[in-house]
Protein backbone atom coordinates (compact mmCIF):
# COMPACT_ATOMS: atom_id res chain seq x y z
CA MET A 1 94.83 72.25 129.59
CA SER A 2 94.30 75.96 130.30
CA ASN A 3 91.04 77.77 129.44
CA GLU A 4 92.83 79.49 126.54
CA GLU A 5 93.80 76.09 125.16
CA ALA A 6 90.41 74.48 125.77
CA ASP A 7 88.29 77.27 124.23
CA PHE A 8 90.01 78.36 121.02
CA HIS A 9 88.88 78.75 117.45
CA GLY A 10 92.07 78.16 115.47
CA ALA A 11 95.75 78.68 115.05
CA LYS A 12 98.06 80.46 112.59
CA LEU A 13 101.79 80.35 112.09
CA LEU A 14 104.31 83.16 111.65
CA LEU A 15 107.21 81.20 110.13
CA MET A 16 110.22 83.29 109.16
CA GLN A 17 113.60 82.92 107.50
CA GLY A 18 115.88 85.84 106.74
CA GLY A 19 113.30 88.61 107.16
CA ARG A 20 110.69 86.78 105.06
CA LEU A 21 107.58 84.96 106.20
CA LEU A 22 105.69 82.03 104.75
CA THR A 23 102.47 83.19 103.16
CA CYS A 24 99.77 81.81 100.87
CA LEU A 25 97.30 83.56 98.59
CA ARG A 26 93.83 82.46 99.58
CA ASP A 27 91.45 80.98 97.05
CA ASP A 28 89.19 83.48 95.26
CA PHE A 29 85.81 82.08 96.35
CA ASP A 30 82.96 84.28 97.54
CA HIS A 31 81.97 81.86 100.31
CA ILE A 32 85.30 82.12 102.24
CA PRO A 33 86.52 84.99 104.39
CA PHE A 34 89.12 87.26 102.74
CA PRO A 35 89.05 85.72 99.23
CA ALA A 36 92.29 86.32 97.27
CA PHE A 37 94.04 87.85 100.30
CA TRP A 38 97.53 86.91 101.47
CA ASP A 39 97.27 84.75 104.55
CA LEU A 40 99.46 82.83 107.03
CA PRO A 41 99.53 79.03 107.33
CA GLY A 42 96.98 77.62 109.73
CA GLY A 43 93.29 77.27 110.19
CA GLY A 44 90.40 76.12 112.35
CA ARG A 45 90.44 73.67 115.19
CA GLU A 46 89.35 70.07 114.63
CA GLY A 47 87.94 68.02 117.46
CA GLY A 48 89.76 68.25 120.77
CA GLU A 49 93.04 69.48 119.38
CA ARG A 50 95.32 71.69 121.46
CA PRO A 51 96.41 74.92 119.76
CA ILE A 52 99.91 73.67 118.83
CA GLU A 53 98.40 70.47 117.40
CA CYS A 54 96.01 72.49 115.25
CA ALA A 55 98.81 74.70 113.94
CA LEU A 56 101.11 71.78 113.13
CA ARG A 57 98.33 69.77 111.46
CA GLU A 58 97.39 72.69 109.27
CA LEU A 59 101.08 73.27 108.35
CA ALA A 60 101.40 69.64 107.28
CA GLU A 61 98.18 69.78 105.24
CA GLU A 62 98.90 73.10 103.57
CA PHE A 63 102.64 72.96 103.04
CA GLY A 64 103.76 69.36 103.70
CA LEU A 65 106.00 70.57 106.55
CA SER A 66 106.51 68.92 109.90
CA LEU A 67 108.05 70.92 112.73
CA ALA A 68 108.77 69.98 116.31
CA PRO A 69 106.42 71.76 118.73
CA ASP A 70 109.33 73.07 120.80
CA ARG A 71 110.43 75.21 117.83
CA LEU A 72 107.34 77.40 118.16
CA GLN A 73 106.19 79.97 120.70
CA GLY A 74 102.53 80.89 120.85
CA GLN A 75 100.44 83.88 121.80
CA ALA A 76 96.66 84.07 122.16
CA PHE A 77 94.54 86.71 120.46
CA PRO A 78 90.83 87.45 120.38
CA SER A 79 89.39 85.44 117.48
CA HIS A 80 88.34 87.52 114.46
CA GLN A 81 85.66 85.01 113.40
CA GLN A 82 84.44 84.03 116.85
CA PRO A 83 84.82 87.12 119.08
CA LYS A 84 83.99 85.26 122.28
CA MET A 85 86.82 82.79 121.62
CA ILE A 86 90.52 83.11 121.09
CA SER A 87 92.91 82.08 118.30
CA TRP A 88 96.61 81.47 118.47
CA LEU A 89 99.60 82.75 116.58
CA PHE A 90 102.72 80.56 116.78
CA ARG A 91 106.07 82.07 115.86
CA GLY A 92 109.13 80.13 114.63
CA ASP A 93 111.89 79.96 112.09
CA LEU A 94 112.27 77.87 108.95
CA THR A 95 115.50 76.63 107.41
CA SER A 96 116.36 76.95 103.74
CA ALA A 97 116.07 73.16 103.45
CA GLU A 98 112.55 73.26 104.90
CA ILE A 99 111.49 75.96 102.48
CA GLY A 100 112.94 73.87 99.62
CA SER A 101 110.90 70.88 100.75
CA ILE A 102 107.50 72.66 100.75
CA ARG A 103 104.78 70.72 98.94
CA PHE A 104 101.88 73.15 98.51
CA GLY A 105 98.51 71.51 99.23
CA ASP A 106 95.17 72.02 97.50
CA GLU A 107 94.02 75.10 99.43
CA GLY A 108 95.08 78.49 98.12
CA GLN A 109 96.37 79.75 94.76
CA GLU A 110 100.11 80.04 95.50
CA TRP A 111 102.62 80.49 98.27
CA GLN A 112 105.67 82.62 98.73
CA MET A 113 108.27 83.70 101.22
CA MET A 114 107.22 87.35 101.42
CA GLN A 115 109.28 90.12 102.95
CA LEU A 116 107.81 90.92 106.37
CA ALA A 117 107.43 94.61 105.54
CA ASP A 118 105.58 93.77 102.31
CA PHE A 119 103.08 91.61 104.17
CA LEU A 120 102.59 94.26 106.88
CA HIS A 121 101.81 96.93 104.27
CA HIS A 122 100.08 94.79 101.65
CA PRO A 123 96.53 96.08 100.84
CA ARG A 124 95.37 92.47 100.34
CA ALA A 125 96.89 90.84 103.41
CA VAL A 126 94.46 89.66 106.04
CA PRO A 127 94.30 92.81 108.26
CA HIS A 128 93.97 91.22 111.67
CA PHE A 129 97.03 89.04 111.00
CA GLN A 130 98.96 92.17 110.13
CA ARG A 131 97.99 93.54 113.56
CA TRP A 132 98.86 90.30 115.34
CA ILE A 133 102.30 90.18 113.73
CA ARG A 134 103.05 93.81 114.68
CA GLU A 135 102.12 93.01 118.26
CA VAL A 136 104.24 89.86 118.37
CA MET A 137 107.25 91.59 116.78
CA GLN A 138 107.07 94.46 119.25
CA GLY A 139 106.70 92.25 122.26
């Protein structure tokens, strides 16, 4: 396991289909970061998980989806919440059948397949994820 994998805070997913990405509207609670903002699937590390394991566990919990790890490519970024650590963004594609099989969990208010440009310019999208996506899409 590399240092980046050993010392990470969490993992998010950029899952796309036809120019749209999977998003969820965060709960509107004062005690959470970015309440009522549009977010990406994913979350914080649990135990000794590797980054890909964290991302896939969160995807299953939040959306009821199971993807093979080889369908995703990851990139490390400085963590927003823990600046001395890193977080991961994994990019991959979803099929129409997978989107149709989504079973939204109990975190968040709603989900949608949002046009990429809409997320990147949305005033209530998590800003550092907008930056990460721009960097991944350019690279």
